[in-house]
């Protein structure tokens, strides 16, 4: 399930990639690479709370990279399709 989510996120990032500046793309790519390393470490661990914590850390690193890239391009505005978008704030 996690791999499917990562594939979906990567596909979405590619689709939106043309909308970001090269600097924001670099920030997001670096965060994704770091998250992949952490996720690979988690995959090598036995099932349990420590593995789940590593997977959560990978998710947090990737999300932080996406947020930082978004902030670079749109000063923190959240597009309606992004997680955390609140239609009432328009």
N, C-alpha and C. Protein backbone atom coordinates (compact mmCIF):
# COMPACT_ATOMS: atom_id res chain seq x y z
N UNK A 1 0.83 -1.19 0.00
CA UNK A 1 0.00 0.00 0.00
C UNK A 1 0.87 1.26 0.00
N UNK A 2 1.91 1.24 0.81
CA UNK A 2 2.79 2.40 0.89
C UNK A 2 3.48 2.65 -0.44
N UNK A 3 3.92 1.57 -1.09
CA UNK A 3 4.60 1.72 -2.39
C UNK A 3 3.64 2.32 -3.41
N UNK A 4 2.35 1.92 -3.34
CA UNK A 4 1.36 2.46 -4.26
C UNK A 4 1.18 3.95 -4.01
N UNK A 5 1.17 4.34 -2.74
CA UNK A 5 1.04 5.76 -2.40
C UNK A 5 2.23 6.56 -2.92
N UNK A 6 3.42 6.00 -2.76
CA UNK A 6 4.62 6.68 -3.23
C UNK A 6 4.58 6.82 -4.75
N UNK A 7 4.15 5.75 -5.44
CA UNK A 7 4.05 5.82 -6.89
C UNK A 7 3.04 6.88 -7.32
N UNK A 8 1.92 6.94 -6.61
CA UNK A 8 0.90 7.95 -6.92
C UNK A 8 1.44 9.35 -6.66
N UNK A 9 2.15 9.52 -5.57
CA UNK A 9 2.72 10.83 -5.25
C UNK A 9 3.75 11.23 -6.29
N UNK A 10 4.56 10.27 -6.72
CA UNK A 10 5.57 10.58 -7.74
C UNK A 10 4.92 10.96 -9.06
N UNK A 11 3.87 10.24 -9.42
CA UNK A 11 3.15 10.55 -10.66
C UNK A 11 2.52 11.93 -10.57
N UNK A 12 1.93 12.22 -9.43
CA UNK A 12 1.32 13.54 -9.23
C UNK A 12 2.38 14.64 -9.28
N UNK A 13 3.52 14.36 -8.69
CA UNK A 13 4.61 15.34 -8.70
C UNK A 13 5.09 15.60 -10.13
N UNK A 14 5.15 14.55 -10.92
CA UNK A 14 5.55 14.74 -12.32
C UNK A 14 4.54 15.58 -13.07
N UNK A 15 3.27 15.34 -12.81
CA UNK A 15 2.22 16.09 -13.48
C UNK A 15 2.25 17.56 -13.08
N UNK A 16 2.60 17.82 -11.84
CA UNK A 16 2.64 19.19 -11.34
C UNK A 16 4.03 19.82 -11.47
N UNK A 17 5.00 19.01 -11.86
CA UNK A 17 6.38 19.47 -11.92
C UNK A 17 6.58 20.69 -12.79
N UNK A 18 5.84 20.77 -13.86
CA UNK A 18 5.98 21.90 -14.76
C UNK A 18 5.52 23.20 -14.11
N UNK A 19 4.76 23.09 -13.04
CA UNK A 19 4.24 24.27 -12.36
C UNK A 19 5.22 24.83 -11.34
N UNK A 20 6.26 24.09 -10.99
CA UNK A 20 7.18 24.53 -9.96
C UNK A 20 8.45 25.10 -10.57
N UNK A 21 9.08 25.96 -9.82
CA UNK A 21 10.36 26.51 -10.24
C UNK A 21 11.42 25.41 -10.12
N UNK A 22 12.53 25.56 -10.83
CA UNK A 22 13.61 24.57 -10.72
C UNK A 22 14.12 24.43 -9.29
N UNK A 23 14.19 25.53 -8.55
CA UNK A 23 14.67 25.46 -7.16
C UNK A 23 13.70 24.66 -6.30
N UNK A 24 12.41 24.87 -6.48
CA UNK A 24 11.42 24.13 -5.71
C UNK A 24 11.44 22.65 -6.09
N UNK A 25 11.63 22.37 -7.38
CA UNK A 25 11.75 20.98 -7.81
C UNK A 25 12.93 20.30 -7.13
N UNK A 26 14.04 21.02 -7.05
CA UNK A 26 15.24 20.46 -6.43
C UNK A 26 15.00 20.15 -4.95
N UNK A 27 14.36 21.07 -4.26
CA UNK A 27 14.05 20.87 -2.84
C UNK A 27 13.17 19.64 -2.66
N UNK A 28 12.14 19.54 -3.50
CA UNK A 28 11.22 18.40 -3.39
C UNK A 28 11.92 17.10 -3.75
N UNK A 29 12.75 17.11 -4.78
CA UNK A 29 13.48 15.91 -5.19
C UNK A 29 14.43 15.44 -4.09
N UNK A 30 15.10 16.39 -3.44
CA UNK A 30 16.02 16.03 -2.35
C UNK A 30 15.26 15.40 -1.19
N UNK A 31 14.11 15.96 -0.86
CA UNK A 31 13.31 15.41 0.23
C UNK A 31 12.80 14.01 -0.13
N UNK A 32 12.38 13.82 -1.38
CA UNK A 32 11.92 12.50 -1.80
C UNK A 32 13.05 11.48 -1.74
N UNK A 33 14.25 11.88 -2.16
CA UNK A 33 15.39 10.97 -2.11
C UNK A 33 15.72 10.59 -0.67
N UNK A 34 15.68 11.58 0.22
CA UNK A 34 15.95 11.31 1.63
C UNK A 34 14.86 10.39 2.20
N UNK A 35 13.62 10.63 1.84
CA UNK A 35 12.52 9.79 2.31
C UNK A 35 12.66 8.36 1.79
N UNK A 36 13.12 8.22 0.55
CA UNK A 36 13.32 6.88 -0.01
C UNK A 36 14.39 6.11 0.76
N UNK A 37 15.46 6.79 1.15
CA UNK A 37 16.52 6.15 1.93
C UNK A 37 15.96 5.68 3.28
N UNK A 38 15.20 6.53 3.93
CA UNK A 38 14.60 6.18 5.22
C UNK A 38 13.63 5.02 5.05
N UNK A 39 12.85 5.05 3.98
CA UNK A 39 11.88 3.98 3.71
C UNK A 39 12.60 2.66 3.44
N UNK A 40 13.71 2.71 2.72
CA UNK A 40 14.49 1.49 2.47
C UNK A 40 15.02 0.92 3.79
N UNK A 41 15.44 1.80 4.69
CA UNK A 41 15.90 1.35 6.00
C UNK A 41 14.76 0.69 6.76
N UNK A 42 13.58 1.27 6.66
CA UNK A 42 12.41 0.70 7.33
C UNK A 42 12.06 -0.66 6.75
N UNK A 43 12.19 -0.81 5.43
CA UNK A 43 11.88 -2.08 4.80
C UNK A 43 12.79 -3.20 5.30
N UNK A 44 14.00 -2.86 5.70
CA UNK A 44 14.95 -3.85 6.18
C UNK A 44 14.72 -4.22 7.65
N UNK A 45 13.84 -3.51 8.32
CA UNK A 45 13.59 -3.75 9.74
C UNK A 45 12.49 -4.79 9.93
N UNK A 46 12.52 -5.49 11.07
CA UNK A 46 11.41 -6.41 11.36
C UNK A 46 10.13 -5.62 11.66
N UNK A 47 9.00 -6.26 11.44
CA UNK A 47 7.71 -5.62 11.72
C UNK A 47 7.66 -5.19 13.18
N UNK A 48 7.05 -4.06 13.43
CA UNK A 48 6.90 -3.59 14.80
C UNK A 48 6.87 -2.08 14.86
N UNK A 49 6.83 -1.56 16.08
CA UNK A 49 6.71 -0.11 16.27
C UNK A 49 7.89 0.67 15.70
N UNK A 50 9.09 0.11 15.77
CA UNK A 50 10.26 0.83 15.25
C UNK A 50 10.16 0.99 13.73
N UNK A 51 9.70 -0.05 13.06
CA UNK A 51 9.54 0.01 11.61
C UNK A 51 8.47 1.04 11.24
N UNK A 52 7.37 1.02 11.96
CA UNK A 52 6.30 1.99 11.71
C UNK A 52 6.79 3.42 11.94
N UNK A 53 7.62 3.61 12.97
CA UNK A 53 8.16 4.94 13.26
C UNK A 53 9.06 5.41 12.12
N UNK A 54 9.86 4.50 11.56
CA UNK A 54 10.72 4.86 10.43
C UNK A 54 9.89 5.22 9.20
N UNK A 55 8.82 4.46 8.96
CA UNK A 55 7.94 4.75 7.82
C UNK A 55 7.27 6.11 8.02
N UNK A 56 6.85 6.38 9.25
CA UNK A 56 6.24 7.68 9.55
C UNK A 56 7.25 8.82 9.34
N UNK A 57 8.51 8.56 9.72
CA UNK A 57 9.55 9.57 9.54
C UNK A 57 9.76 9.84 8.04
N UNK A 58 9.76 8.77 7.24
CA UNK A 58 9.91 8.94 5.79
C UNK A 58 8.77 9.78 5.22
N UNK A 59 7.55 9.48 5.67
CA UNK A 59 6.39 10.25 5.22
C UNK A 59 6.52 11.72 5.62
N UNK A 60 6.99 11.96 6.84
CA UNK A 60 7.13 13.33 7.33
C UNK A 60 8.19 14.10 6.55
N UNK A 61 9.30 13.44 6.23
CA UNK A 61 10.36 14.09 5.46
C UNK A 61 9.85 14.46 4.07
N UNK A 62 9.14 13.53 3.44
CA UNK A 62 8.61 13.81 2.10
C UNK A 62 7.57 14.94 2.14
N UNK A 63 6.69 14.90 3.13
CA UNK A 63 5.67 15.95 3.25
C UNK A 63 6.30 17.31 3.51
N UNK A 64 7.33 17.34 4.35
CA UNK A 64 8.01 18.60 4.65
C UNK A 64 8.67 19.17 3.39
N UNK A 65 9.24 18.29 2.58
CA UNK A 65 9.85 18.74 1.33
C UNK A 65 8.82 19.31 0.38
N UNK A 66 7.67 18.66 0.30
CA UNK A 66 6.60 19.16 -0.56
C UNK A 66 6.11 20.52 -0.07
N UNK A 67 5.95 20.64 1.24
CA UNK A 67 5.48 21.91 1.80
C UNK A 67 6.50 23.03 1.55
N UNK A 68 7.78 22.71 1.73
CA UNK A 68 8.81 23.72 1.51
C UNK A 68 8.82 24.16 0.04
N UNK A 69 8.70 23.18 -0.87
CA UNK A 69 8.66 23.51 -2.30
C UNK A 69 7.44 24.35 -2.63
N UNK A 70 6.30 23.99 -2.07
CA UNK A 70 5.08 24.76 -2.31
C UNK A 70 5.23 26.19 -1.79
N UNK A 71 5.83 26.32 -0.63
CA UNK A 71 6.02 27.65 -0.04
C UNK A 71 6.95 28.50 -0.90
N UNK A 72 7.93 27.87 -1.53
CA UNK A 72 8.87 28.60 -2.38
C UNK A 72 8.15 29.17 -3.60
N UNK A 73 7.18 28.45 -4.12
CA UNK A 73 6.52 28.85 -5.35
C UNK A 73 5.29 29.72 -5.16
N UNK A 74 4.57 29.50 -4.08
CA UNK A 74 3.31 30.23 -3.95
C UNK A 74 3.14 30.89 -2.59
N UNK A 75 4.24 31.14 -1.92
CA UNK A 75 4.20 31.81 -0.62
C UNK A 75 3.27 31.14 0.36
N UNK A 76 3.20 29.80 0.31
CA UNK A 76 2.41 29.05 1.27
C UNK A 76 0.96 28.87 0.92
N UNK A 77 0.52 29.39 -0.21
CA UNK A 77 -0.87 29.17 -0.60
C UNK A 77 -1.07 27.69 -0.86
N UNK A 78 -2.24 27.19 -0.52
CA UNK A 78 -2.54 25.77 -0.73
C UNK A 78 -3.52 25.65 -1.87
N UNK A 79 -3.13 24.89 -2.87
CA UNK A 79 -4.04 24.64 -3.99
C UNK A 79 -5.18 23.76 -3.52
N UNK A 80 -6.35 23.86 -4.14
CA UNK A 80 -7.49 23.05 -3.72
C UNK A 80 -7.22 21.55 -3.72
N UNK A 81 -6.28 21.10 -4.55
CA UNK A 81 -5.99 19.67 -4.63
C UNK A 81 -5.00 19.20 -3.57
N UNK A 82 -4.37 20.12 -2.84
CA UNK A 82 -3.37 19.75 -1.86
C UNK A 82 -4.00 19.36 -0.53
N UNK A 83 -3.30 18.48 0.17
CA UNK A 83 -3.74 18.08 1.51
C UNK A 83 -3.75 19.32 2.39
N UNK A 84 -4.80 19.49 3.15
CA UNK A 84 -4.90 20.63 4.05
C UNK A 84 -5.66 21.80 3.46
N UNK A 85 -6.10 21.66 2.22
CA UNK A 85 -6.87 22.74 1.60
C UNK A 85 -8.22 22.87 2.29
N UNK A 86 -8.60 24.09 2.57
CA UNK A 86 -9.88 24.36 3.22
C UNK A 86 -10.67 25.31 2.33
N UNK A 87 -11.70 24.78 1.64
CA UNK A 87 -12.47 25.63 0.72
C UNK A 87 -13.12 26.83 1.41
N UNK A 88 -13.34 26.75 2.72
CA UNK A 88 -13.99 27.84 3.44
C UNK A 88 -13.08 29.06 3.57
N UNK A 89 -11.78 28.90 3.36
CA UNK A 89 -10.82 30.00 3.53
C UNK A 89 -10.66 30.84 2.27
N UNK A 90 -11.47 30.65 1.28
CA UNK A 90 -11.34 31.43 0.04
C UNK A 90 -11.98 32.76 0.13
